[in-house]
C-alpha atoms as a PDB file:
ATOM      1  CA  GLY A   1     -11.279   8.472  -6.362  1.00  0.00           C
ATOM      2  CA  GLY A   2     -12.312   5.752  -8.758  1.00  0.00           C
ATOM      3  CA  SER A   3      -9.991   3.062  -7.509  1.00  0.00           C
ATOM      4  CA  SER A   4     -11.316   0.079  -5.629  1.00  0.00           C
ATOM      5  CA  GLN A   5      -8.225  -1.290  -4.015  1.00  0.00           C
ATOM      6  CA  ALA A   6      -8.274  -3.622  -1.057  1.00  0.00           C
ATOM      7  CA  PRO A   7      -5.445  -5.358   0.722  1.00  0.00           C
ATOM      8  CA  THR A   8      -5.580  -9.117   0.651  1.00  0.00           C
ATOM      9  CA  ASN A   9      -3.171 -11.783   1.709  1.00  0.00           C
ATOM     10  CA  ASN A  10      -5.088 -14.915   0.814  1.00  0.00           C
ATOM     11  CA  GLY A  11      -4.215 -14.722  -2.856  1.00  0.00           C
ATOM     12  CA  GLY A  12      -7.508 -16.212  -3.890  1.00  0.00           C
ATOM     13  CA  THR A  13     -10.089 -13.515  -3.283  1.00  0.00           C
ATOM     14  CA  SER A  14     -10.477 -10.404  -5.372  1.00  0.00           C
ATOM     15  CA  GLN A  15     -11.950  -7.607  -3.326  1.00  0.00           C
ATOM     16  CA  SER A  16     -13.743  -4.619  -4.764  1.00  0.00           C
ATOM     17  CA  ALA A  17     -16.233  -1.973  -3.787  1.00  0.00           C
ATOM     18  CA  GLY A  18     -18.926  -3.537  -5.906  1.00  0.00           C
ATOM     19  CA  ASN A  19     -21.544  -6.128  -5.141  1.00  0.00           C
ATOM     20  CA  ASN A  20     -19.908  -9.323  -6.302  1.00  0.00           C
ATOM     21  CA  GLY A  21     -22.505 -11.633  -4.813  1.00  0.00           C
ATOM     22  CA  ASN A  22     -20.001 -13.149  -2.426  1.00  0.00           C
ATOM     23  CA  SER A  23     -22.113 -14.108   0.563  1.00  0.00           C
ATOM     24  CA  SER A  24     -19.049 -14.693   2.716  1.00  0.00           C
ATOM     25  CA  SER A  25     -18.094 -11.033   2.610  1.00  0.00           C
ATOM     26  CA  THR A  26     -19.775  -8.028   4.113  1.00  0.00           C
ATOM     27  CA  VAL A  27     -20.089  -4.714   2.340  1.00  0.00           C
ATOM     28  CA  ARG A  28     -19.506  -1.813   4.692  1.00  0.00           C
ATOM     29  CA  THR A  29     -19.713   1.909   4.165  1.00  0.00           C
ATOM     30  CA  THR A  30     -17.670   4.470   6.061  1.00  0.00           C
ATOM     31  CA  ASP A  31     -18.980   7.773   7.382  1.00  0.00           C
ATOM     32  CA  HIS A  32     -17.608   9.378   4.235  1.00  0.00           C
ATOM     33  CA  GLY A  33     -19.451   7.050   1.899  1.00  0.00           C
ATOM     34  CA  THR A  34     -16.538   4.848   0.912  1.00  0.00           C
ATOM     35  CA  LYS A  35     -17.726   1.297   0.335  1.00  0.00           C
ATOM     36  CA  TYR A  36     -15.494  -1.654   1.015  1.00  0.00           C
ATOM     37  CA  ILE A  37     -15.821  -5.388   1.425  1.00  0.00           C
ATOM     38  CA  ALA A  38     -14.781  -6.962   4.687  1.00  0.00           C
ATOM     39  CA  LEU A  39     -14.168 -10.672   4.836  1.00  0.00           C
ATOM     40  CA  PRO A  40     -15.008 -12.520   8.051  1.00  0.00           C
ATOM     41  CA  GLY A  41     -12.300 -11.833  10.611  1.00  0.00           C
ATOM     42  CA  GLU A  42     -10.877  -8.954   8.576  1.00  0.00           C
ATOM     43  CA  GLU A  43     -13.495  -6.286   9.222  1.00  0.00           C
ATOM     44  CA  GLU A  44     -11.402  -4.364  11.751  1.00  0.00           C
ATOM     45  CA  ALA A  45      -8.298  -4.492   9.563  1.00  0.00           C
ATOM     46  CA  MET A  46     -10.261  -3.375   6.517  1.00  0.00           C
ATOM     47  CA  LYS A  47     -11.947  -0.586   8.447  1.00  0.00           C
ATOM     48  CA  LYS A  48      -8.565   0.722   9.577  1.00  0.00           C
ATOM     49  CA  TRP A  49      -7.147   0.458   6.059  1.00  0.00           C
ATOM     50  CA  VAL A  50     -10.103   2.275   4.513  1.00  0.00           C
ATOM     51  CA  GLU A  51      -9.925   5.038   7.099  1.00  0.00           C
ATOM     52  CA  GLU A  52      -6.224   5.503   6.367  1.00  0.00           C
ATOM     53  CA  ASN A  53      -6.977   5.512   2.650  1.00  0.00           C
ATOM     54  CA  GLU A  54      -9.627   8.190   3.120  1.00  0.00           C
ATOM     55  CA  ARG A  55      -7.236  10.247   5.183  1.00  0.00           C
ATOM     56  CA  ALA A  56      -4.633   9.999   2.440  1.00  0.00           C
ATOM     57  CA  ARG A  57      -7.195  11.199  -0.069  1.00  0.00           C
ATOM     58  CA  GLY A  58      -8.014  14.213   2.090  1.00  0.00           C
ATOM     59  CA  LEU A  59     -11.483  13.101   3.131  1.00  0.00           C
ATOM     60  CA  ARG A  60     -10.628  13.371   6.797  1.00  0.00           C
END
């Protein structure tokens, strides 16, 4: 589980699980400790994607 993948469709923003100092994004953590960055307006979509990713990895 070392990958930090995040779906993006804006083509200009690289998303990762690290602190990149981007004040326009919000770092969230799931109940299972998976960190992800949610851009404004994309938090729900990211949350759903991360939950599905965790489920695929057997964390749920």
